[in-house]
Every structure is written in C-alpha cells, then in structure tokens.
Amino acid sequence: MYICPTLGEDHEKDFLVTGNLDDFRIIVFSSLEDYEKGFEYLKLTDYQPTEVSDELFHELALKDDSFSGLILNIHSDKKIISKEELL
C-alpha cells in the first residue's frame, strides 16, 4: 500500500508523475507522515493523499509500456522501484 498525491475525483484521479509521456514514474509515499513531509518538500497545492494498492501498480506495469516504476519518498529516500520489481 502506498500514499499517492492525486488530483481529481473518484475514478478520474491523476497521479503526480515525473518524466515524460514515453517514460514516466509515479511519486509515492510509504506513510501519511512521509506524504506530509513530501508535500512540503515538493511545495504542492491542491493534491489529496490517496491510498493505492500494490495491485494497481502491478497492473499498470503489465499494461503500460511507458510506465517505468515508482519513486518512493522523494523528500528523503528517493528510492526507485523499477517496473520489473512491481511484476
């Protein structure tokens, strides 16, 4: 389970990503506390924390060639979780 900054409502939520359309990573956090620290670090506004399951990222890794992984806790660890690790 990850905490993700998102914009939008219900099924129309957009994730916070880095990269470009052909090669992007989604920014995620390991806890609500890390989300709040990362929110300050990135100087975000209008984003809301959303819990996202590992299964969603597994499915994304299987179906989207442009998705290259996750960046976990960008404000501290900056750990990159590759697409292959999610499979």
Protein backbone atom coordinates (compact mmCIF):
# COMPACT_ATOMS: atom_id res chain seq x y z
CA MET A 1 0.00 0.00 0.00
CA TYR A 2 1.26 3.46 -0.92
CA ILE A 3 0.06 7.01 -0.33
CA CYS A 4 -0.09 8.98 -3.58
CA PRO A 5 -0.71 12.66 -4.26
CA THR A 6 -3.69 12.86 -6.60
CA LEU A 7 -5.88 15.45 -8.29
CA GLY A 8 -9.48 14.84 -9.23
CA GLU A 9 -12.44 12.83 -8.01
CA ASP A 10 -13.37 9.14 -7.90
CA HIS A 11 -12.10 7.26 -10.99
CA GLU A 12 -10.87 10.47 -12.64
CA LYS A 13 -7.84 10.90 -10.35
CA ASP A 14 -4.48 11.93 -11.78
CA PHE A 15 -1.23 10.87 -10.13
CA LEU A 16 1.84 13.03 -9.61
CA VAL A 17 4.43 11.81 -12.12
CA THR A 18 7.93 12.64 -13.25
CA GLY A 19 9.45 12.03 -16.67
CA ASN A 20 7.65 12.26 -19.98
CA LEU A 21 4.81 10.51 -21.80
CA ASP A 22 7.12 7.77 -23.10
CA ASP A 23 8.94 7.09 -19.81
CA PHE A 24 7.35 8.14 -16.52
CA ARG A 25 7.46 7.24 -12.83
CA ILE A 26 4.76 7.87 -10.24
CA ILE A 27 5.72 9.62 -7.00
CA VAL A 28 4.51 7.67 -3.94
CA PHE A 29 4.99 7.73 -0.18
CA SER A 30 5.20 4.92 2.37
CA SER A 31 3.05 6.60 5.04
CA LEU A 32 0.84 9.61 5.66
CA GLU A 33 3.66 11.17 7.70
CA ASP A 34 6.05 10.82 4.75
CA TYR A 35 3.34 12.16 2.44
CA GLU A 36 3.04 15.31 4.57
CA LYS A 37 6.83 15.82 4.59
CA GLY A 38 6.98 15.22 0.84
CA PHE A 39 4.06 17.57 0.28
CA GLU A 40 6.09 20.35 1.95
CA TYR A 41 9.28 19.36 0.13
CA LEU A 42 7.58 19.47 -3.29
CA LYS A 43 5.56 22.60 -2.41
CA LEU A 44 2.37 21.01 -3.68
CA THR A 45 -1.08 22.55 -3.59
CA ASP A 46 -4.48 21.08 -4.40
CA TYR A 47 -3.30 17.44 -4.20
CA GLN A 48 -5.02 14.99 -1.88
CA PRO A 49 -3.50 11.85 -0.32
CA THR A 50 -4.92 8.64 -1.75
CA GLU A 51 -4.16 5.08 -0.63
CA VAL A 52 -3.23 2.91 -3.59
CA SER A 53 -2.69 -0.83 -3.51
CA ASP A 54 0.31 -2.69 -4.88
CA GLU A 55 -2.04 -4.49 -7.28
CA LEU A 56 -2.84 -1.29 -9.16
CA PHE A 57 0.85 -0.64 -9.86
CA HIS A 58 1.35 -4.30 -10.78
CA GLU A 59 -1.44 -3.98 -13.37
CA LEU A 60 0.00 -0.70 -14.65
CA ALA A 61 3.43 -2.34 -15.02
CA LEU A 62 1.85 -5.13 -17.08
CA LYS A 63 -0.28 -2.93 -19.34
CA ASP A 64 1.56 0.38 -19.85
CA ASP A 65 4.87 0.29 -21.72
CA SER A 66 5.57 3.92 -20.81
CA PHE A 67 5.35 3.31 -17.05
CA SER A 68 8.85 2.69 -15.70
CA GLY A 69 8.22 2.48 -11.96
CA LEU A 70 7.77 4.42 -8.74
CA ILE A 71 9.76 6.98 -6.78
CA LEU A 72 9.28 6.27 -3.08
CA ASN A 73 9.62 9.08 -0.51
CA ILE A 74 11.14 11.67 -2.84
CA HIS A 75 11.80 14.01 0.10
CA SER A 76 14.21 11.58 1.81
CA ASP A 77 14.89 8.08 0.44
CA LYS A 78 14.30 8.81 -3.24
CA LYS A 79 14.15 5.04 -3.72
CA ILE A 80 13.33 3.99 -7.27
CA ILE A 81 11.16 0.91 -7.57
CA SER A 82 11.50 -0.38 -11.11
CA LYS A 83 8.69 -1.69 -13.24
CA GLU A 84 10.29 -5.14 -13.06
CA GLU A 85 10.19 -5.10 -9.24
CA LEU A 86 6.45 -4.43 -9.38
CA LEU A 87 5.82 -7.50 -11.54
